[in-house]
Amino acid sequence: MLEQKGFLDRQPGFFQFMIFGFLIFALSAICVQSAFVAIKPLFGIDGADLLITKASSHPEELKGSMNEINALKFIQLFSSLGMFLFPALIFGLTKNIGGDFLKLKTKISGVMILLAMAIIFLSAPIVNEIYNLNKLLDPNAFGEFGKLLTQSEKQNEMLTNLFLYMPGVTDFLINIFVIALIPAIAEELFFRGVLQQFFKAAFKNVHVAVWTTAIVFSLFHMDFYGFIPRIFLGALLGYLFVWGNSLWVNIGAHFINNASQVVMVYLFQSGISSYDAQSDENSPWYVTLIFTVVMIGLIIVFYRKRFIEIIPEPNQTINSLISSDN
């Protein structure tokens, strides 16, 4: 199928951005309301709003009812679909009919995906160190914005701890799907697949696009003490997308970041491992150093390997590929 400009591609950038915003608002409302309606026949629960209030104020009480926890996960799943996945897919697939705006069709080897997954996995200790530095900041110094983020962070932390309560294998598999797989696909489609490319076209600079997207990525998570480390992680994912030129690279990397946390928590709760991933325990300095050095090495390998793995389009040379990133 030949690539052709869709309706969106023929419109000014500002209008495209407004359409994308409308899709987010409309589809989020539809999906969340659909989830609210569905939890009664599926889980036998009346009043989704009461369930959410209970989870926010008294999360420990829900640990005795996996049915209520699974209902919350169901709502979270539909929220991710409506806010990130569906708007990004609809926008990306209609922007240029038959094209590959979302970079889902680009040929990429499994080696590149594995390299990206290893890079993100090895970044965990240095991200944790950045998190510790971020904790030195006083949220009160940022006024109402700082207070809003800290309040949201506390609620997110309580909900995350509730979701990560996994007394059985079934709960573990549900979390791999709801916490690791779906967010990896949905958020990468949204942030790297659409936003980063939109910012690149708007600013005419790939680096500005990467860092702007990373900031927006961090803001969406509403986490004060995780704000700077999540910018770092978002920028790393952004450059992997630029160098890999395939969204599958990012989906794999994002998945391993989320899934590794779920796996480590499950192993600890099952008594298989003594390491508590939910604690504030820091990695030894030499572990952080080794992981960071290896990560940097793999980033260099990934950057150099892209010229071998990515097949240039007709009339496109290596020099044009290099200049396009500047």
C-alpha atoms as a PDB file:
ATOM      1  CA  MET A   1       0.000   0.000   0.000  1.00  0.00           C
ATOM      2  CA  LEU A   2       1.425   3.346  -1.084  1.00  0.00           C
ATOM      3  CA  GLU A   3       1.937   6.027   1.523  1.00  0.00           C
ATOM      4  CA  GLN A   4      -0.368   8.990   1.193  1.00  0.00           C
ATOM      5  CA  LYS A   5      -1.065  12.042   3.271  1.00  0.00           C
ATOM      6  CA  GLY A   6      -4.079  11.609   5.496  1.00  0.00           C
ATOM      7  CA  PHE A   7      -6.443  14.328   6.655  1.00  0.00           C
ATOM      8  CA  LEU A   8      -4.277  15.082   9.726  1.00  0.00           C
ATOM      9  CA  ASP A   9      -1.060  15.342   7.725  1.00  0.00           C
ATOM     10  CA  ARG A  10      -2.570  18.086   5.587  1.00  0.00           C
ATOM     11  CA  GLN A  11      -3.431  20.218   8.608  1.00  0.00           C
ATOM     12  CA  PRO A  12      -1.247  22.755  10.494  1.00  0.00           C
ATOM     13  CA  GLY A  13       0.742  21.373  13.418  1.00  0.00           C
ATOM     14  CA  PHE A  14      -1.309  23.233  16.024  1.00  0.00           C
ATOM     15  CA  PHE A  15      -4.544  21.767  14.652  1.00  0.00           C
ATOM     16  CA  GLN A  16      -3.012  18.271  14.709  1.00  0.00           C
ATOM     17  CA  PHE A  17      -2.037  18.766  18.336  1.00  0.00           C
ATOM     18  CA  MET A  18      -5.569  19.885  19.197  1.00  0.00           C
ATOM     19  CA  ILE A  19      -7.031  16.809  17.498  1.00  0.00           C
ATOM     20  CA  PHE A  20      -4.661  14.597  19.466  1.00  0.00           C
ATOM     21  CA  GLY A  21      -5.714  16.308  22.685  1.00  0.00           C
ATOM     22  CA  PHE A  22      -9.375  15.778  21.829  1.00  0.00           C
ATOM     23  CA  LEU A  23      -8.735  12.071  21.197  1.00  0.00           C
ATOM     24  CA  ILE A  24      -7.066  11.752  24.599  1.00  0.00           C
ATOM     25  CA  PHE A  25      -9.915  13.495  26.403  1.00  0.00           C
ATOM     26  CA  ALA A  26     -12.739  11.694  24.582  1.00  0.00           C
ATOM     27  CA  LEU A  27     -11.286   8.179  24.585  1.00  0.00           C
ATOM     28  CA  SER A  28     -10.148   8.442  28.214  1.00  0.00           C
ATOM     29  CA  ALA A  29     -13.671   9.361  29.292  1.00  0.00           C
ATOM     30  CA  ILE A  30     -15.238   6.581  27.218  1.00  0.00           C
ATOM     31  CA  CYS A  31     -12.844   3.878  28.426  1.00  0.00           C
ATOM     32  CA  VAL A  32     -12.971   4.829  32.110  1.00  0.00           C
ATOM     33  CA  GLN A  33     -16.766   5.045  32.090  1.00  0.00           C
ATOM     34  CA  SER A  34     -16.934   1.697  30.315  1.00  0.00           C
ATOM     35  CA  ALA A  35     -14.727   0.174  33.020  1.00  0.00           C
ATOM     36  CA  PHE A  36     -16.916   1.683  35.757  1.00  0.00           C
ATOM     37  CA  VAL A  37     -20.001   0.098  34.193  1.00  0.00           C
ATOM     38  CA  ALA A  38     -18.309  -3.269  33.568  1.00  0.00           C
ATOM     39  CA  ILE A  39     -17.002  -3.905  37.094  1.00  0.00           C
ATOM     40  CA  LYS A  40     -20.493  -4.657  38.434  1.00  0.00           C
ATOM     41  CA  PRO A  41     -21.236  -7.629  36.134  1.00  0.00           C
ATOM     42  CA  LEU A  42     -17.592  -8.762  36.067  1.00  0.00           C
ATOM     43  CA  PHE A  43     -16.632  -8.320  39.730  1.00  0.00           C
ATOM     44  CA  GLY A  44     -19.981  -7.857  41.474  1.00  0.00           C
ATOM     45  CA  ILE A  45     -18.972  -4.427  42.814  1.00  0.00           C
ATOM     46  CA  ASP A  46     -21.383  -1.510  43.084  1.00  0.00           C
ATOM     47  CA  GLY A  47     -19.902   1.971  42.869  1.00  0.00           C
ATOM     48  CA  ALA A  48     -16.490   2.234  41.233  1.00  0.00           C
ATOM     49  CA  ASP A  49     -16.004   5.697  42.724  1.00  0.00           C
ATOM     50  CA  LEU A  50     -16.422   4.291  46.243  1.00  0.00           C
ATOM     51  CA  LEU A  51     -13.899   1.569  45.469  1.00  0.00           C
ATOM     52  CA  ILE A  52     -11.340   4.125  44.262  1.00  0.00           C
ATOM     53  CA  THR A  53     -11.926   6.278  47.360  1.00  0.00           C
ATOM     54  CA  LYS A  54     -11.405   3.234  49.570  1.00  0.00           C
ATOM     55  CA  ALA A  55      -8.175   2.372  47.735  1.00  0.00           C
ATOM     56  CA  SER A  56      -6.879   5.922  48.220  1.00  0.00           C
ATOM     57  CA  SER A  57      -7.778   6.287  51.892  1.00  0.00           C
ATOM     58  CA  HIS A  58      -7.593   2.738  53.308  1.00  0.00           C
ATOM     59  CA  PRO A  59      -5.582   0.572  50.881  1.00  0.00           C
ATOM     60  CA  GLU A  60      -4.609  -1.980  53.540  1.00  0.00           C
ATOM     61  CA  GLU A  61      -8.254  -2.984  53.913  1.00  0.00           C
ATOM     62  CA  LEU A  62      -8.341  -4.134  50.295  1.00  0.00           C
ATOM     63  CA  LYS A  63      -5.536  -6.681  50.725  1.00  0.00           C
ATOM     64  CA  GLY A  64      -8.090  -9.113  52.071  1.00  0.00           C
ATOM     65  CA  SER A  65     -10.070  -8.928  48.815  1.00  0.00           C
ATOM     66  CA  MET A  66      -8.243  -9.782  45.615  1.00  0.00           C
ATOM     67  CA  ASN A  67     -11.558  -9.315  43.792  1.00  0.00           C
ATOM     68  CA  GLU A  68     -11.537  -5.602  44.638  1.00  0.00           C
ATOM     69  CA  ILE A  69      -7.859  -5.273  43.780  1.00  0.00           C
ATOM     70  CA  ASN A  70      -8.446  -6.933  40.409  1.00  0.00           C
ATOM     71  CA  ALA A  71     -11.346  -4.550  39.807  1.00  0.00           C
ATOM     72  CA  LEU A  72      -8.978  -1.639  40.371  1.00  0.00           C
ATOM     73  CA  LYS A  73      -6.482  -3.177  37.958  1.00  0.00           C
ATOM     74  CA  PHE A  74      -9.276  -3.514  35.429  1.00  0.00           C
ATOM     75  CA  ILE A  75     -10.050   0.197  35.749  1.00  0.00           C
ATOM     76  CA  GLN A  76      -6.351   1.038  35.480  1.00  0.00           C
ATOM     77  CA  LEU A  77      -6.067  -1.106  32.354  1.00  0.00           C
ATOM     78  CA  PHE A  78      -8.935   0.700  30.630  1.00  0.00           C
ATOM     79  CA  SER A  79      -7.513   4.047  31.745  1.00  0.00           C
ATOM     80  CA  SER A  80      -4.202   3.237  30.016  1.00  0.00           C
ATOM     81  CA  LEU A  81      -6.004   2.110  26.883  1.00  0.00           C
ATOM     82  CA  GLY A  82      -8.106   5.261  26.712  1.00  0.00           C
ATOM     83  CA  MET A  83      -5.457   7.815  27.612  1.00  0.00           C
ATOM     84  CA  PHE A  84      -2.434   6.408  25.783  1.00  0.00           C
ATOM     85  CA  LEU A  85      -2.990   3.432  23.481  1.00  0.00           C
ATOM     86  CA  PHE A  86      -6.133   4.249  21.494  1.00  0.00           C
ATOM     87  CA  PRO A  87      -5.408   7.986  20.909  1.00  0.00           C
ATOM     88  CA  ALA A  88      -1.855   7.221  19.751  1.00  0.00           C
ATOM     89  CA  LEU A  89      -2.951   4.421  17.416  1.00  0.00           C
ATOM     90  CA  ILE A  90      -5.799   6.410  15.861  1.00  0.00           C
ATOM     91  CA  PHE A  91      -3.657   9.531  15.439  1.00  0.00           C
ATOM     92  CA  GLY A  92      -0.621   7.659  14.109  1.00  0.00           C
ATOM     93  CA  LEU A  93      -2.457   5.398  11.698  1.00  0.00           C
ATOM     94  CA  THR A  94      -4.547   8.224  10.195  1.00  0.00           C
ATOM     95  CA  LYS A  95      -1.738  10.758   9.946  1.00  0.00           C
ATOM     96  CA  ASN A  96      -0.197   9.192   6.855  1.00  0.00           C
ATOM     97  CA  ILE A  97      -2.248   6.393   5.349  1.00  0.00           C
ATOM     98  CA  GLY A  98      -0.080   3.426   4.407  1.00  0.00           C
ATOM     99  CA  GLY A  99       3.010   4.986   5.946  1.00  0.00           C
ATOM    100  CA  ASP A 100       4.880   4.188   9.133  1.00  0.00           C
ATOM    101  CA  PHE A 101       4.552   7.284  11.288  1.00  0.00           C
ATOM    102  CA  LEU A 102       4.559   5.202  14.489  1.00  0.00           C
ATOM    103  CA  LYS A 103       7.676   3.245  13.368  1.00  0.00           C
ATOM    104  CA  LEU A 104       5.992  -0.116  13.888  1.00  0.00           C
ATOM    105  CA  LYS A 105       6.883  -1.491  10.449  1.00  0.00           C
ATOM    106  CA  THR A 106      10.587  -0.650  10.456  1.00  0.00           C
ATOM    107  CA  LYS A 107      12.703  -3.778  10.218  1.00  0.00           C
ATOM    108  CA  ILE A 108      14.856  -4.254  13.314  1.00  0.00           C
ATOM    109  CA  SER A 109      16.799  -7.265  14.545  1.00  0.00           C
ATOM    110  CA  GLY A 110      16.223  -9.000  17.844  1.00  0.00           C
ATOM    111  CA  VAL A 111      19.779  -8.066  18.818  1.00  0.00           C
ATOM    112  CA  MET A 112      18.928  -4.363  18.812  1.00  0.00           C
ATOM    113  CA  ILE A 113      15.846  -4.988  20.941  1.00  0.00           C
ATOM    114  CA  LEU A 114      17.851  -7.095  23.403  1.00  0.00           C
ATOM    115  CA  LEU A 115      20.539  -4.404  23.586  1.00  0.00           C
ATOM    116  CA  ALA A 116      17.911  -1.775  24.409  1.00  0.00           C
ATOM    117  CA  MET A 117      16.388  -4.029  27.075  1.00  0.00           C
ATOM    118  CA  ALA A 118      19.820  -4.590  28.626  1.00  0.00           C
ATOM    119  CA  ILE A 119      20.568  -0.839  28.614  1.00  0.00           C
ATOM    120  CA  ILE A 120      17.352  -0.007  30.469  1.00  0.00           C
ATOM    121  CA  PHE A 121      17.820  -2.869  32.921  1.00  0.00           C
ATOM    122  CA  LEU A 122      21.383  -1.766  33.700  1.00  0.00           C
ATOM    123  CA  SER A 123      20.243   1.836  34.198  1.00  0.00           C
ATOM    124  CA  ALA A 124      18.327   0.897  37.396  1.00  0.00           C
ATOM    125  CA  PRO A 125      21.151   1.643  39.906  1.00  0.00           C
ATOM    126  CA  ILE A 126      22.054   5.040  38.428  1.00  0.00           C
ATOM    127  CA  VAL A 127      18.341   5.941  38.185  1.00  0.00           C
ATOM    128  CA  ASN A 128      18.068   5.079  41.883  1.00  0.00           C
ATOM    129  CA  GLU A 129      21.022   7.360  42.673  1.00  0.00           C
ATOM    130  CA  ILE A 130      19.353  10.190  40.751  1.00  0.00           C
ATOM    131  CA  TYR A 131      16.205   9.460  42.765  1.00  0.00           C
ATOM    132  CA  ASN A 132      18.201   9.917  45.990  1.00  0.00           C
ATOM    133  CA  LEU A 133      19.482  13.270  44.728  1.00  0.00           C
ATOM    134  CA  ASN A 134      15.945  14.298  43.785  1.00  0.00           C
ATOM    135  CA  LYS A 135      14.860  13.545  47.371  1.00  0.00           C
ATOM    136  CA  LEU A 136      17.161  16.350  48.569  1.00  0.00           C
ATOM    137  CA  LEU A 137      14.835  18.872  46.928  1.00  0.00           C
ATOM    138  CA  ASP A 138      12.185  20.477  49.100  1.00  0.00           C
ATOM    139  CA  PRO A 139       8.743  20.237  47.441  1.00  0.00           C
ATOM    140  CA  ASN A 140       7.605  23.323  49.396  1.00  0.00           C
ATOM    141  CA  ALA A 141      10.100  25.381  47.413  1.00  0.00           C
ATOM    142  CA  PHE A 142       7.972  24.747  44.322  1.00  0.00           C
ATOM    143  CA  GLY A 143       4.768  26.071  45.868  1.00  0.00           C
ATOM    144  CA  GLU A 144       1.424  24.552  44.981  1.00  0.00           C
ATOM    145  CA  PHE A 145       2.979  22.574  42.136  1.00  0.00           C
ATOM    146  CA  GLY A 146       5.309  20.789  44.565  1.00  0.00           C
ATOM    147  CA  LYS A 147       2.447  20.076  46.968  1.00  0.00           C
ATOM    148  CA  LEU A 148       0.300  18.704  44.151  1.00  0.00           C
ATOM    149  CA  LEU A 149       3.046  16.345  43.003  1.00  0.00           C
ATOM    150  CA  THR A 150       3.806  15.073  46.512  1.00  0.00           C
ATOM    151  CA  GLN A 151       0.126  14.411  47.230  1.00  0.00           C
ATOM    152  CA  SER A 152      -0.245  12.596  43.926  1.00  0.00           C
ATOM    153  CA  GLU A 153       2.962  10.654  44.626  1.00  0.00           C
ATOM    154  CA  LYS A 154       1.629   9.390  47.956  1.00  0.00           C
ATOM    155  CA  GLN A 155      -1.598   8.200  46.351  1.00  0.00           C
ATOM    156  CA  ASN A 156       0.297   6.565  43.475  1.00  0.00           C
ATOM    157  CA  GLU A 157       2.622   4.828  45.923  1.00  0.00           C
ATOM    158  CA  MET A 158      -0.281   3.412  47.944  1.00  0.00           C
ATOM    159  CA  LEU A 159      -2.009   2.193  44.792  1.00  0.00           C
ATOM    160  CA  THR A 160       1.218   0.679  43.423  1.00  0.00           C
ATOM    161  CA  ASN A 161       1.873  -1.189  46.671  1.00  0.00           C
ATOM    162  CA  LEU A 162      -1.682  -2.490  46.524  1.00  0.00           C
ATOM    163  CA  PHE A 163      -1.278  -3.662  42.931  1.00  0.00           C
ATOM    164  CA  LEU A 164       2.043  -5.306  43.742  1.00  0.00           C
ATOM    165  CA  TYR A 165       0.469  -7.476  46.429  1.00  0.00           C
ATOM    166  CA  MET A 166       0.770 -10.885  44.747  1.00  0.00           C
ATOM    167  CA  PRO A 167      -0.208 -13.842  46.933  1.00  0.00           C
ATOM    168  CA  GLY A 168      -0.399 -16.202  43.952  1.00  0.00           C
ATOM    169  CA  VAL A 169       1.041 -16.932  40.511  1.00  0.00           C
ATOM    170  CA  THR A 170      -2.172 -15.718  38.850  1.00  0.00           C
ATOM    171  CA  ASP A 171      -1.744 -12.308  40.491  1.00  0.00           C
ATOM    172  CA  PHE A 172       1.841 -12.201  39.235  1.00  0.00           C
ATOM    173  CA  LEU A 173       0.772 -12.967  35.638  1.00  0.00           C
ATOM    174  CA  ILE A 174      -2.004 -10.358  35.803  1.00  0.00           C
ATOM    175  CA  ASN A 175       0.554  -7.766  36.923  1.00  0.00           C
ATOM    176  CA  ILE A 176       2.930  -8.659  34.111  1.00  0.00           C
ATOM    177  CA  PHE A 177       0.084  -7.894  31.719  1.00  0.00           C
ATOM    178  CA  VAL A 178      -1.447  -4.829  33.435  1.00  0.00           C
ATOM    179  CA  ILE A 179       1.668  -3.191  34.930  1.00  0.00           C
ATOM    180  CA  ALA A 180       4.401  -4.251  32.487  1.00  0.00           C
ATOM    181  CA  LEU A 181       3.113  -5.159  29.020  1.00  0.00           C
ATOM    182  CA  ILE A 182       0.176  -2.808  28.379  1.00  0.00           C
ATOM    183  CA  PRO A 183       1.906   0.336  29.763  1.00  0.00           C
ATOM    184  CA  ALA A 184       5.034  -0.493  27.737  1.00  0.00           C
ATOM    185  CA  ILE A 185       3.023  -0.623  24.514  1.00  0.00           C
ATOM    186  CA  ALA A 186       0.604   2.202  25.310  1.00  0.00           C
ATOM    187  CA  GLU A 187       3.072   4.724  26.750  1.00  0.00           C
ATOM    188  CA  GLU A 188       5.689   4.178  24.044  1.00  0.00           C
ATOM    189  CA  LEU A 189       3.080   4.635  21.320  1.00  0.00           C
ATOM    190  CA  PHE A 190       1.948   7.828  23.035  1.00  0.00           C
ATOM    191  CA  PHE A 191       5.227   9.438  24.103  1.00  0.00           C
ATOM    192  CA  ARG A 192       7.818   8.247  21.603  1.00  0.00           C
ATOM    193  CA  GLY A 193       5.557   7.187  18.728  1.00  0.00           C
ATOM    194  CA  VAL A 194       3.483  10.385  18.622  1.00  0.00           C
ATOM    195  CA  LEU A 195       4.680  13.145  20.977  1.00  0.00           C
ATOM    196  CA  GLN A 196       8.413  12.887  20.322  1.00  0.00           C
ATOM    197  CA  GLN A 197       7.915  12.871  16.562  1.00  0.00           C
ATOM    198  CA  PHE A 198       5.460  15.746  16.831  1.00  0.00           C
ATOM    199  CA  PHE A 199       7.976  17.783  18.855  1.00  0.00           C
ATOM    200  CA  LYS A 200      10.738  16.900  16.402  1.00  0.00           C
ATOM    201  CA  ALA A 201       8.682  18.313  13.530  1.00  0.00           C
ATOM    202  CA  ALA A 202       7.724  21.381  15.581  1.00  0.00           C
ATOM    203  CA  PHE A 203      11.176  22.257  16.953  1.00  0.00           C
ATOM    204  CA  LYS A 204      13.237  20.959  13.995  1.00  0.00           C
ATOM    205  CA  ASN A 205      15.699  19.525  16.514  1.00  0.00           C
ATOM    206  CA  VAL A 206      15.816  15.910  17.620  1.00  0.00           C
ATOM    207  CA  HIS A 207      17.515  16.650  20.968  1.00  0.00           C
ATOM    208  CA  VAL A 208      14.922  19.248  21.965  1.00  0.00           C
ATOM    209  CA  ALA A 209      12.232  16.739  20.994  1.00  0.00           C
ATOM    210  CA  VAL A 210      13.780  13.974  23.115  1.00  0.00           C
ATOM    211  CA  TRP A 211      14.144  16.089  26.253  1.00  0.00           C
ATOM    212  CA  THR A 212      10.789  17.847  25.884  1.00  0.00           C
ATOM    213  CA  THR A 213       9.080  14.475  25.560  1.00  0.00           C
ATOM    214  CA  ALA A 214      11.011  13.187  28.579  1.00  0.00           C
ATOM    215  CA  ILE A 215       9.792  16.116  30.686  1.00  0.00           C
ATOM    216  CA  VAL A 216       6.181  15.565  29.592  1.00  0.00           C
ATOM    217  CA  PHE A 217       6.626  11.828  30.250  1.00  0.00           C
ATOM    218  CA  SER A 218       7.727  12.594  33.806  1.00  0.00           C
ATOM    219  CA  LEU A 219       4.962  15.151  34.380  1.00  0.00           C
ATOM    220  CA  PHE A 220       2.308  12.620  33.388  1.00  0.00           C
ATOM    221  CA  HIS A 221       3.429  10.322  36.211  1.00  0.00           C
ATOM    222  CA  MET A 222       2.865  13.070  38.830  1.00  0.00           C
ATOM    223  CA  ASP A 223       5.765  11.995  41.053  1.00  0.00           C
ATOM    224  CA  PHE A 224       7.852  14.733  42.729  1.00  0.00           C
ATOM    225  CA  TYR A 225      10.745  12.621  44.038  1.00  0.00           C
ATOM    226  CA  GLY A 226      10.799  10.562  40.863  1.00  0.00           C
ATOM    227  CA  PHE A 227      10.544  13.578  38.574  1.00  0.00           C
ATOM    228  CA  ILE A 228      14.238  13.979  37.625  1.00  0.00           C
ATOM    229  CA  PRO A 229      15.095  10.247  37.394  1.00  0.00           C
ATOM    230  CA  ARG A 230      12.049   9.702  35.190  1.00  0.00           C
ATOM    231  CA  ILE A 231      13.235  12.522  32.907  1.00  0.00           C
ATOM    232  CA  PHE A 232      16.566  10.684  32.627  1.00  0.00           C
ATOM    233  CA  LEU A 233      14.778   7.418  31.855  1.00  0.00           C
ATOM    234  CA  GLY A 234      12.484   9.128  29.357  1.00  0.00           C
ATOM    235  CA  ALA A 235      15.448  10.746  27.581  1.00  0.00           C
ATOM    236  CA  LEU A 236      17.237   7.397  27.418  1.00  0.00           C
ATOM    237  CA  LEU A 237      14.151   5.827  25.864  1.00  0.00           C
ATOM    238  CA  GLY A 238      13.919   8.803  23.513  1.00  0.00           C
ATOM    239  CA  TYR A 239      17.440   8.359  22.172  1.00  0.00           C
ATOM    240  CA  LEU A 240      16.940   4.606  21.813  1.00  0.00           C
ATOM    241  CA  PHE A 241      13.943   5.443  19.627  1.00  0.00           C
ATOM    242  CA  VAL A 242      15.962   7.907  17.529  1.00  0.00           C
ATOM    243  CA  TRP A 243      18.883   5.523  17.070  1.00  0.00           C
ATOM    244  CA  GLY A 244      16.835   2.354  16.681  1.00  0.00           C
ATOM    245  CA  ASN A 245      14.205   3.983  14.448  1.00  0.00           C
ATOM    246  CA  SER A 246      11.694   1.374  15.614  1.00  0.00           C
ATOM    247  CA  LEU A 247       9.077   1.536  18.337  1.00  0.00           C
ATOM    248  CA  TRP A 248       9.617  -2.174  19.068  1.00  0.00           C
ATOM    249  CA  VAL A 249      12.996  -1.256  20.535  1.00  0.00           C
ATOM    250  CA  ASN A 250      11.261   1.035  23.018  1.00  0.00           C
ATOM    251  CA  ILE A 251       8.436  -1.348  23.796  1.00  0.00           C
ATOM    252  CA  GLY A 252      10.958  -4.056  24.673  1.00  0.00           C
ATOM    253  CA  ALA A 253      13.030  -1.663  26.800  1.00  0.00           C
ATOM    254  CA  HIS A 254      10.007  -0.210  28.615  1.00  0.00           C
ATOM    255  CA  PHE A 255       8.626  -3.702  29.232  1.00  0.00           C
ATOM    256  CA  ILE A 256      11.816  -4.967  30.861  1.00  0.00           C
ATOM    257  CA  ASN A 257      11.922  -1.873  33.091  1.00  0.00           C
ATOM    258  CA  ASN A 258       8.390  -2.526  34.386  1.00  0.00           C
ATOM    259  CA  ALA A 259       8.528  -6.320  34.388  1.00  0.00           C
ATOM    260  CA  SER A 260      11.806  -6.512  36.325  1.00  0.00           C
ATOM    261  CA  GLN A 261      10.169  -4.608  39.195  1.00  0.00           C
ATOM    262  CA  VAL A 262       7.159  -6.939  39.213  1.00  0.00           C
ATOM    263  CA  VAL A 263       9.407 -10.017  39.124  1.00  0.00           C
ATOM    264  CA  MET A 264      11.669  -8.820  41.950  1.00  0.00           C
ATOM    265  CA  VAL A 265       8.716  -7.928  44.181  1.00  0.00           C
ATOM    266  CA  TYR A 266       7.075 -11.294  43.518  1.00  0.00           C
ATOM    267  CA  LEU A 267      10.279 -13.195  44.300  1.00  0.00           C
ATOM    268  CA  PHE A 268      10.611 -11.300  47.582  1.00  0.00           C
ATOM    269  CA  GLN A 269       6.990 -11.841  48.578  1.00  0.00           C
ATOM    270  CA  SER A 270       7.301 -15.539  47.720  1.00  0.00           C
ATOM    271  CA  GLY A 271      10.376 -15.906  49.921  1.00  0.00           C
ATOM    272  CA  ILE A 272      12.578 -16.861  46.967  1.00  0.00           C
ATOM    273  CA  SER A 273      14.688 -13.706  47.199  1.00  0.00           C
ATOM    274  CA  SER A 274      15.792 -11.632  50.189  1.00  0.00           C
ATOM    275  CA  TYR A 275      16.021  -8.398  48.197  1.00  0.00           C
ATOM    276  CA  ASP A 276      13.086  -6.048  48.756  1.00  0.00           C
ATOM    277  CA  ALA A 277      12.687  -3.952  45.603  1.00  0.00           C
ATOM    278  CA  GLN A 278      10.072  -1.770  47.332  1.00  0.00           C
ATOM    279  CA  SER A 279      12.455  -0.645  50.051  1.00  0.00           C
ATOM    280  CA  ASP A 280      14.752   2.402  49.887  1.00  0.00           C
ATOM    281  CA  GLU A 281      17.801   0.145  50.070  1.00  0.00           C
ATOM    282  CA  ASN A 282      20.596   1.428  47.826  1.00  0.00           C
ATOM    283  CA  SER A 283      22.836  -0.743  45.699  1.00  0.00           C
ATOM    284  CA  PRO A 284      26.505  -0.883  46.768  1.00  0.00           C
ATOM    285  CA  TRP A 285      28.572   1.807  45.042  1.00  0.00           C
ATOM    286  CA  TYR A 286      30.582  -0.764  43.091  1.00  0.00           C
ATOM    287  CA  VAL A 287      27.398  -2.359  41.711  1.00  0.00           C
ATOM    288  CA  THR A 288      26.171   1.051  40.568  1.00  0.00           C
ATOM    289  CA  LEU A 289      29.560   1.765  38.997  1.00  0.00           C
ATOM    290  CA  ILE A 290      29.769  -1.578  37.165  1.00  0.00           C
ATOM    291  CA  PHE A 291      26.190  -1.404  35.900  1.00  0.00           C
ATOM    292  CA  THR A 292      26.651   2.195  34.711  1.00  0.00           C
ATOM    293  CA  VAL A 293      29.937   1.486  32.902  1.00  0.00           C
ATOM    294  CA  VAL A 294      28.443  -1.550  31.158  1.00  0.00           C
ATOM    295  CA  MET A 295      25.323   0.466  30.306  1.00  0.00           C
ATOM    296  CA  ILE A 296      27.405   3.215  28.693  1.00  0.00           C
ATOM    297  CA  GLY A 297      29.321   0.586  26.750  1.00  0.00           C
ATOM    298  CA  LEU A 298      26.112  -0.955  25.444  1.00  0.00           C
ATOM    299  CA  ILE A 299      24.769   2.490  24.508  1.00  0.00           C
ATOM    300  CA  ILE A 300      27.876   3.016  22.366  1.00  0.00           C
ATOM    301  CA  VAL A 301      27.409  -0.421  20.786  1.00  0.00           C
ATOM    302  CA  PHE A 302      23.743   0.316  20.119  1.00  0.00           C
ATOM    303  CA  TYR A 303      24.556   3.705  18.584  1.00  0.00           C
ATOM    304  CA  ARG A 304      27.230   2.256  16.296  1.00  0.00           C
ATOM    305  CA  LYS A 305      25.199  -0.814  15.375  1.00  0.00           C
ATOM    306  CA  ARG A 306      22.283   1.238  14.065  1.00  0.00           C
ATOM    307  CA  PHE A 307      24.191   1.969  10.833  1.00  0.00           C
ATOM    308  CA  ILE A 308      24.476  -1.776  10.239  1.00  0.00           C
ATOM    309  CA  GLU A 309      20.971  -2.789  11.300  1.00  0.00           C
ATOM    310  CA  ILE A 310      18.932   0.045   9.762  1.00  0.00           C
ATOM    311  CA  ILE A 311      18.662  -0.263   5.990  1.00  0.00           C
ATOM    312  CA  PRO A 312      18.787   3.230   4.454  1.00  0.00           C
ATOM    313  CA  GLU A 313      15.860   4.249   2.302  1.00  0.00           C
ATOM    314  CA  PRO A 314      16.503   4.784  -1.444  1.00  0.00           C
ATOM    315  CA  ASN A 315      18.796   7.729  -2.127  1.00  0.00           C
ATOM    316  CA  GLN A 316      19.595   7.995   1.594  1.00  0.00           C
ATOM    317  CA  THR A 317      23.218   7.739   2.686  1.00  0.00           C
ATOM    318  CA  ILE A 318      24.946   7.217   6.011  1.00  0.00           C
ATOM    319  CA  ASN A 319      25.877  10.896   6.033  1.00  0.00           C
ATOM    320  CA  SER A 320      22.234  11.928   5.707  1.00  0.00           C
ATOM    321  CA  LEU A 321      21.318   9.624   8.578  1.00  0.00           C
ATOM    322  CA  ILE A 322      23.944  11.252  10.788  1.00  0.00           C
ATOM    323  CA  SER A 323      22.960  14.795   9.852  1.00  0.00           C
ATOM    324  CA  SER A 324      19.273  14.089  10.491  1.00  0.00           C
ATOM    325  CA  ASP A 325      20.019  13.569  14.184  1.00  0.00           C
ATOM    326  CA  ASN A 326      21.706  16.943  14.621  1.00  0.00           C
END
